[in-house]
Amino acid sequence: MSALSPPPAKRKRVRTASQLEQKRFTDRIKQRENRHENKNRLDKIEGDIADIKSTLQALAVHLQSQVPIPALPDPSITWPSRQEPVPLRPRHREFYDSSASAAPHLLLGAHLGPGDQVFEPQAWASWPRSSWSPTSSGNNRLWTSIPCIESKLINCHCGSQHLDRFDCLDQCSVTTFYQLQIAFPTTRSTSGILPRNPSLPSMMLHTMDENIATFLITGFLRQYKNKGIEQLLSFYLLGYRYMRWKMSPCEETIRDVPAWMLPTEIQKSNPHSVIVDYVPWPRLRDHLCTSGDEDLARSLYFYFESTEFIWPSECPIFAQGEGGQMTPSLEFERAVGNLEHWRIGPPWSEAFPHLLHLVEP
């Protein structure tokens, strides 16, 4: 029976009054130490966060000061000779923010004439895609050599909402042309000229990494709804050949640019948004350069929606090349280079009827 009897209950410890007072005193000391330790830990965390913020701000200032856009021309660079000095401060307020005293002055709108060859890259057209694509990893030679010109110098006139500055044709065109002039200021070799025509997959917006020109044009045209195959190909071919000449200005490239697409004297001498250069009609471009308007007349998307390429449906758009590949036909290329095949209508003509005389043949 003794084996089955329950174990005797443990006697509950009973502290004396002095023992309880000693325990309370010890607990108060321990709690005070814990609070002090937690406070020190929080203070250290806040101090570390403040140090990180200060370091990031100092790093940002340091990086901005390392590669500034030069405000004055480098005397070691050979610039094209001109009869009159080119003003470095643009006249239109859209190109210069007077509130930013440290903003560099850059003549963004002045263009080179057929004989003014400032840069002709030797081998940039054969660089790997990582050299010029802003989305590639690694050392992006073209896109990271000089920081993208900030919006306080260039207002976007693409007419669409961009998620990134590389979606803006204004930003990318100016940055690309400027970087090429810095990278190749005096070279005269034409070995780096882009192919005369883009590939058909690029023109159909299937790929954009053929070269830097197709990267810019395809990225821009993908943002908008195209009205037809002949419209897409005509816009693409005209813009590609113009950009090809701007990147490598020489006799070979200028032959493929229609005379009415070349910069006029007013374009060369008046700073303006780069999107004006893609408008087909010379007199309209001159008006946009001198008027200083900041309305829908200067939105590239507005022109894209209003401009139409007239192409007879019975004429072939494509032809088969020597290697069997399909390319734009010679008839189509000639029509793209003829201003009579281009016209502008609504909504631009309805919004600006007083400018219609500038687009008449």
Protein backbone atom coordinates (compact mmCIF):
# COMPACT_ATOMS: atom_id res chain seq x y z
CA MET A 1 0.00 0.00 0.00
CA SER A 2 2.88 2.32 0.71
CA ALA A 3 4.04 1.97 -2.90
CA LEU A 4 0.72 3.30 -4.23
CA SER A 5 0.43 6.24 -1.88
CA PRO A 6 0.85 9.68 -3.52
CA PRO A 7 4.13 11.46 -3.06
CA PRO A 8 4.14 13.98 -0.29
CA ALA A 9 3.29 17.51 -1.46
CA LYS A 10 6.18 19.92 -1.73
CA ARG A 11 6.20 22.55 0.88
CA LYS A 12 5.63 26.00 -0.60
CA ARG A 13 8.53 28.26 -0.01
CA VAL A 14 7.63 31.07 2.24
CA ARG A 15 9.89 34.11 2.18
CA THR A 16 10.28 36.27 5.12
CA ALA A 17 9.58 39.97 4.92
CA SER A 18 13.26 40.78 4.65
CA GLN A 19 13.72 38.24 1.84
CA LEU A 20 10.79 39.72 -0.13
CA GLU A 21 12.19 43.19 0.26
CA GLN A 22 15.58 41.98 -0.97
CA LYS A 23 13.96 40.33 -4.05
CA ARG A 24 12.03 43.49 -4.92
CA PHE A 25 15.19 45.51 -4.64
CA THR A 26 17.06 43.09 -6.91
CA ASP A 27 14.23 43.13 -9.51
CA ARG A 28 14.21 46.93 -9.58
CA ILE A 29 17.94 47.02 -10.24
CA LYS A 30 17.62 44.42 -13.02
CA GLN A 31 14.75 46.27 -14.69
CA ARG A 32 16.67 49.54 -14.50
CA GLU A 33 19.66 47.87 -16.15
CA ASN A 34 17.45 46.40 -18.91
CA ARG A 35 15.86 49.78 -19.64
CA HIS A 36 19.27 51.42 -19.79
CA GLU A 37 20.57 48.69 -22.13
CA ASN A 38 17.56 49.01 -24.45
CA LYS A 39 17.92 52.79 -24.53
CA ASN A 40 21.59 52.51 -25.44
CA ARG A 41 20.73 50.01 -28.20
CA LEU A 42 18.08 52.32 -29.70
CA ASP A 43 20.42 55.30 -29.51
CA LYS A 44 23.09 53.33 -31.36
CA ILE A 45 20.63 52.29 -34.07
CA GLU A 46 19.48 55.89 -34.55
CA GLY A 47 23.08 57.04 -34.71
CA ASP A 48 23.92 54.39 -37.33
CA ILE A 49 20.93 55.46 -39.45
CA ALA A 50 21.99 59.11 -39.23
CA ASP A 51 25.54 58.15 -40.27
CA ILE A 52 24.22 56.17 -43.25
CA LYS A 53 22.06 59.08 -44.41
CA SER A 54 24.98 61.47 -44.08
CA THR A 55 27.25 59.09 -46.01
CA LEU A 56 24.71 58.68 -48.82
CA GLN A 57 24.25 62.44 -49.13
CA ALA A 58 28.00 63.00 -49.21
CA LEU A 59 28.39 60.22 -51.80
CA ALA A 60 25.68 61.73 -54.00
CA VAL A 61 27.36 65.13 -53.87
CA HIS A 62 30.72 63.52 -54.62
CA LEU A 63 29.40 61.58 -57.62
CA GLN A 64 27.67 64.65 -59.05
CA SER A 65 30.89 66.62 -58.79
CA GLN A 66 33.02 63.92 -60.38
CA VAL A 67 31.58 63.98 -63.92
CA PRO A 68 30.07 67.43 -64.54
CA ILE A 69 28.85 68.51 -67.96
CA PRO A 70 31.48 71.04 -69.00
CA ALA A 71 30.19 74.60 -68.98
CA LEU A 72 32.99 75.81 -71.22
CA PRO A 73 34.55 74.07 -74.22
CA ASP A 74 37.65 72.03 -73.59
CA PRO A 75 40.59 73.73 -75.34
CA SER A 76 42.04 70.31 -76.18
CA ILE A 77 38.96 69.45 -78.28
CA THR A 78 38.84 70.57 -81.89
CA TRP A 79 35.44 72.11 -82.57
CA PRO A 80 34.14 73.06 -86.02
CA SER A 81 35.14 76.47 -87.21
CA ARG A 82 32.35 79.04 -87.57
CA GLN A 83 32.31 82.61 -88.76
CA GLU A 84 30.60 83.76 -85.56
CA PRO A 85 31.01 82.36 -82.05
CA VAL A 86 28.22 80.08 -80.95
CA PRO A 87 26.43 81.34 -77.80
CA LEU A 88 26.68 78.89 -74.94
CA ARG A 89 23.58 80.11 -73.08
CA PRO A 90 20.34 79.10 -74.83
CA ARG A 91 17.82 81.89 -75.28
CA HIS A 92 14.65 79.87 -74.69
CA ARG A 93 13.77 79.46 -71.04
CA GLU A 94 12.89 75.79 -71.53
CA PHE A 95 16.58 74.99 -71.89
CA TYR A 96 17.82 76.87 -68.84
CA ASP A 97 16.50 77.15 -65.34
CA SER A 98 17.61 80.50 -63.97
CA SER A 99 17.02 79.29 -60.43
CA ALA A 100 19.77 76.71 -60.77
CA SER A 101 22.91 78.80 -60.62
CA ALA A 102 25.17 75.81 -61.07
CA ALA A 103 23.36 74.46 -64.13
CA PRO A 104 25.68 74.00 -67.10
CA HIS A 105 25.04 76.02 -70.24
CA LEU A 106 24.74 73.84 -73.31
CA LEU A 107 23.57 74.75 -76.78
CA LEU A 108 21.26 71.80 -77.29
CA GLY A 109 19.45 72.94 -80.37
CA ALA A 110 22.25 74.12 -82.65
CA HIS A 111 23.10 71.51 -85.26
CA LEU A 112 25.96 70.82 -87.55
CA GLY A 113 25.89 71.45 -91.23
CA PRO A 114 26.87 68.83 -93.79
CA GLY A 115 30.49 69.99 -93.63
CA ASP A 116 30.72 70.38 -89.87
CA GLN A 117 31.96 66.96 -88.82
CA VAL A 118 32.51 67.12 -85.10
CA PHE A 119 32.48 63.38 -84.44
CA GLU A 120 32.60 60.19 -86.43
CA PRO A 121 33.06 57.18 -84.13
CA GLN A 122 35.49 54.57 -85.35
CA ALA A 123 34.00 51.45 -83.87
CA TRP A 124 31.14 52.36 -81.57
CA ALA A 125 28.57 50.74 -83.86
CA SER A 126 30.21 47.38 -83.23
CA TRP A 127 30.31 47.74 -79.46
CA PRO A 128 28.52 44.96 -77.59
CA ARG A 129 25.01 45.72 -76.41
CA SER A 130 26.28 46.16 -72.85
CA SER A 131 28.19 49.22 -74.08
CA TRP A 132 25.13 51.25 -75.01
CA SER A 133 22.03 49.65 -73.54
CA PRO A 134 20.98 51.34 -70.29
CA THR A 135 19.32 48.13 -69.14
CA SER A 136 22.42 45.96 -69.49
CA SER A 137 24.72 45.08 -66.66
CA GLY A 138 28.42 45.78 -66.58
CA ASN A 139 30.42 48.82 -67.57
CA ASN A 140 28.10 50.73 -69.90
CA ARG A 141 30.67 52.70 -71.82
CA LEU A 142 28.28 55.03 -73.58
CA TRP A 143 25.49 55.56 -71.08
CA THR A 144 27.65 55.90 -67.96
CA SER A 145 30.50 57.93 -69.39
CA ILE A 146 28.49 61.13 -68.95
CA PRO A 147 25.36 61.49 -66.82
CA CYS A 148 22.05 61.93 -68.58
CA ILE A 149 21.26 65.62 -68.99
CA GLU A 150 18.68 66.49 -66.37
CA SER A 151 15.14 67.63 -67.15
CA LYS A 152 15.90 71.17 -65.97
CA LEU A 153 17.83 71.52 -69.23
CA ILE A 154 15.50 69.47 -71.45
CA ASN A 155 11.72 69.49 -71.34
CA CYS A 156 10.12 66.31 -72.64
CA HIS A 157 7.95 66.92 -75.70
CA CYS A 158 7.31 63.26 -76.56
CA GLY A 159 3.69 63.56 -75.51
CA SER A 160 3.57 60.42 -73.35
CA GLN A 161 4.08 59.59 -69.70
CA HIS A 162 7.49 57.99 -69.21
CA LEU A 163 8.39 55.55 -66.47
CA ASP A 164 12.09 56.09 -67.10
CA ARG A 165 14.21 58.77 -68.73
CA PHE A 166 15.43 56.21 -71.27
CA ASP A 167 11.88 56.10 -72.68
CA CYS A 168 12.12 59.79 -73.60
CA LEU A 169 13.30 60.47 -77.14
CA ASP A 170 14.18 64.03 -76.14
CA GLN A 171 16.46 62.90 -73.33
CA CYS A 172 18.01 59.96 -75.17
CA SER A 173 18.67 61.81 -78.43
CA VAL A 174 20.40 64.77 -76.79
CA THR A 175 22.33 62.55 -74.39
CA THR A 176 23.45 60.18 -77.16
CA PHE A 177 24.57 62.89 -79.57
CA TYR A 178 26.33 64.79 -76.79
CA GLN A 179 28.08 61.70 -75.45
CA LEU A 180 29.28 60.73 -78.91
CA GLN A 181 30.75 64.19 -79.41
CA ILE A 182 32.59 63.86 -76.09
CA ALA A 183 33.73 60.29 -76.80
CA PHE A 184 34.84 61.00 -80.38
CA PRO A 185 35.55 64.74 -80.64
CA THR A 186 38.15 64.72 -83.42
CA THR A 187 38.03 61.37 -85.20
CA ARG A 188 37.17 61.33 -88.88
CA SER A 189 37.00 57.61 -89.62
CA THR A 190 33.72 56.32 -91.05
CA SER A 191 34.28 52.70 -90.03
CA GLY A 192 31.65 52.97 -87.32
CA ILE A 193 28.71 53.96 -89.54
CA LEU A 194 25.49 52.10 -88.86
CA PRO A 195 23.98 49.89 -91.59
CA ARG A 196 22.10 51.83 -94.25
CA ASN A 197 18.79 50.25 -93.30
CA PRO A 198 17.61 48.67 -90.05
CA SER A 199 16.62 45.03 -90.08
CA LEU A 200 13.00 44.13 -90.71
CA PRO A 201 12.52 42.71 -87.17
CA SER A 202 13.64 46.08 -85.79
CA MET A 203 11.32 48.01 -88.09
CA MET A 204 8.45 45.75 -87.04
CA LEU A 205 9.29 46.55 -83.38
CA HIS A 206 10.11 42.90 -82.61
CA THR A 207 13.64 43.68 -81.43
CA MET A 208 15.43 46.81 -80.29
CA ASP A 209 19.02 45.71 -79.62
CA GLU A 210 20.36 45.76 -83.19
CA ASN A 211 22.21 49.03 -82.56
CA ILE A 212 21.76 52.20 -80.55
CA ALA A 213 19.57 53.89 -83.19
CA THR A 214 17.10 51.00 -83.28
CA PHE A 215 17.17 50.94 -79.49
CA LEU A 216 15.98 54.55 -79.33
CA ILE A 217 13.49 54.45 -82.22
CA THR A 218 11.91 51.10 -81.35
CA GLY A 219 11.55 52.09 -77.71
CA PHE A 220 9.80 55.30 -78.74
CA LEU A 221 7.43 53.79 -81.32
CA ARG A 222 6.39 50.98 -78.99
CA GLN A 223 4.74 53.57 -76.75
CA TYR A 224 2.16 54.53 -79.39
CA LYS A 225 -0.52 52.79 -81.37
CA ASN A 226 0.51 52.55 -85.01
CA LYS A 227 -2.00 53.23 -87.77
CA GLY A 228 -0.69 50.77 -90.35
CA ILE A 229 2.34 48.92 -91.64
CA GLU A 230 3.24 51.59 -94.21
CA GLN A 231 3.00 54.30 -91.54
CA LEU A 232 5.22 52.37 -89.14
CA LEU A 233 7.89 51.55 -91.73
CA SER A 234 7.98 55.06 -93.19
CA PHE A 235 8.37 56.72 -89.77
CA TYR A 236 11.00 54.18 -88.78
CA LEU A 237 13.06 54.46 -91.97
CA LEU A 238 13.01 58.26 -92.01
CA GLY A 239 13.93 58.56 -88.33
CA TYR A 240 16.62 55.88 -88.57
CA ARG A 241 18.44 57.45 -91.50
CA TYR A 242 18.30 60.89 -89.90
CA MET A 243 19.68 59.54 -86.62
CA ARG A 244 22.32 57.54 -88.52
CA TRP A 245 23.57 60.76 -90.10
CA LYS A 246 23.52 62.62 -86.78
CA MET A 247 25.64 59.90 -85.20
CA SER A 248 28.10 59.73 -88.11
CA PRO A 249 27.88 62.94 -90.19
CA CYS A 250 29.67 62.26 -93.46
CA GLU A 251 28.98 62.12 -97.19
CA GLU A 252 27.90 58.48 -97.03
CA THR A 253 25.20 59.05 -94.42
CA ILE A 254 23.96 62.44 -95.61
CA ARG A 255 23.14 60.98 -99.03
CA ASP A 256 20.34 58.95 -97.44
CA VAL A 257 18.77 61.92 -95.65
CA PRO A 258 16.22 63.88 -97.72
CA ALA A 259 17.24 67.49 -98.30
CA TRP A 260 14.06 68.68 -96.57
CA MET A 261 15.04 66.83 -93.39
CA LEU A 262 18.43 68.52 -93.06
CA PRO A 263 18.68 71.32 -90.46
CA THR A 264 17.90 74.76 -91.83
CA GLU A 265 19.94 77.84 -91.02
CA ILE A 266 17.34 78.81 -88.43
CA GLN A 267 17.62 75.40 -86.77
CA LYS A 268 21.39 75.72 -86.62
CA SER A 269 21.30 79.13 -84.97
CA ASN A 270 18.30 78.80 -82.62
CA PRO A 271 18.25 76.47 -79.61
CA HIS A 272 15.17 74.27 -79.70
CA SER A 273 13.78 70.97 -78.54
CA VAL A 274 15.30 68.03 -80.37
CA ILE A 275 11.88 66.69 -81.35
CA VAL A 276 11.53 69.60 -83.78
CA ASP A 277 14.26 68.00 -85.91
CA TYR A 278 12.03 64.98 -86.59
CA VAL A 279 9.23 67.08 -88.12
CA PRO A 280 9.28 66.68 -91.94
CA TRP A 281 8.39 70.24 -93.04
CA PRO A 282 11.30 72.75 -92.99
CA ARG A 283 9.16 75.90 -92.75
CA LEU A 284 7.23 74.44 -89.84
CA ARG A 285 10.49 73.55 -88.09
CA ASP A 286 11.70 77.13 -88.54
CA HIS A 287 8.48 78.43 -87.01
CA LEU A 288 8.79 76.11 -84.01
CA CYS A 289 12.42 77.15 -83.50
CA THR A 290 11.65 80.86 -83.45
CA SER A 291 8.22 80.98 -81.81
CA GLY A 292 9.19 79.51 -78.45
CA ASP A 293 5.72 78.00 -78.08
CA GLU A 294 5.24 75.37 -75.39
CA ASP A 295 1.91 73.98 -76.52
CA LEU A 296 0.75 70.87 -78.36
CA ALA A 297 2.35 72.18 -81.54
CA ARG A 298 5.59 70.85 -80.11
CA SER A 299 4.48 67.40 -78.96
CA LEU A 300 6.05 64.67 -81.05
CA TYR A 301 3.14 62.35 -80.29
CA PHE A 302 0.76 65.01 -81.61
CA TYR A 303 2.63 64.99 -84.92
CA PHE A 304 2.85 61.21 -84.90
CA GLU A 305 -0.93 61.02 -84.63
CA SER A 306 -1.50 63.68 -87.29
CA THR A 307 1.16 62.89 -89.91
CA GLU A 308 0.31 60.44 -92.66
CA PHE A 309 2.49 58.77 -95.26
CA ILE A 310 0.66 58.41 -98.57
CA TRP A 311 1.46 55.09 -100.22
CA PRO A 312 -0.46 53.45 -103.10
CA SER A 313 -1.83 50.13 -101.93
CA GLU A 314 -1.01 48.45 -105.25
CA CYS A 315 2.73 49.18 -104.92
CA PRO A 316 4.90 46.66 -103.07
CA ILE A 317 6.40 47.76 -99.78
CA PHE A 318 8.92 44.92 -99.54
CA ALA A 319 11.45 43.43 -101.90
CA GLN A 320 13.66 40.38 -101.62
CA GLY A 321 17.35 41.13 -101.18
CA GLU A 322 20.32 39.32 -102.67
CA GLY A 323 20.55 37.00 -99.68
CA GLY A 324 16.84 36.20 -99.78
CA GLN A 325 15.93 38.46 -96.88
CA MET A 326 13.01 40.85 -97.11
CA THR A 327 13.79 44.57 -97.13
CA PRO A 328 11.87 47.76 -97.98
CA SER A 329 11.54 48.11 -101.74
CA LEU A 330 13.41 50.83 -103.65
CA GLU A 331 10.08 52.40 -104.60
CA PHE A 332 9.14 52.61 -100.95
CA GLU A 333 12.50 54.16 -100.02
CA ARG A 334 12.14 56.80 -102.75
CA ALA A 335 8.61 57.62 -101.63
CA VAL A 336 9.73 58.07 -98.02
CA GLY A 337 12.33 60.57 -99.24
CA ASN A 338 9.73 62.55 -101.23
CA LEU A 339 7.96 65.24 -99.20
CA GLU A 340 4.94 65.07 -101.53
CA HIS A 341 4.10 61.68 -99.99
CA TRP A 342 3.77 63.23 -96.53
CA ARG A 343 0.83 65.22 -95.26
CA ILE A 344 -0.49 66.35 -91.91
CA GLY A 345 -4.12 66.35 -90.87
CA PRO A 346 -6.27 66.14 -87.74
CA PRO A 347 -5.88 66.61 -84.85
CA TRP A 348 -2.96 68.95 -85.57
CA SER A 349 -4.61 70.71 -88.52
CA GLU A 350 -7.73 71.36 -86.44
CA ALA A 351 -5.74 72.71 -83.50
CA PHE A 352 -3.43 74.94 -85.58
CA PRO A 353 -5.19 75.95 -88.81
CA HIS A 354 -3.12 79.15 -88.90
CA LEU A 355 0.02 77.05 -89.48
CA LEU A 356 -1.28 75.00 -92.42
CA HIS A 357 0.49 77.24 -94.93
CA LEU A 358 3.80 76.03 -93.47
CA VAL A 359 3.15 72.43 -94.54
CA GLU A 360 1.93 73.09 -98.07
CA PRO A 361 4.11 71.64 -100.87
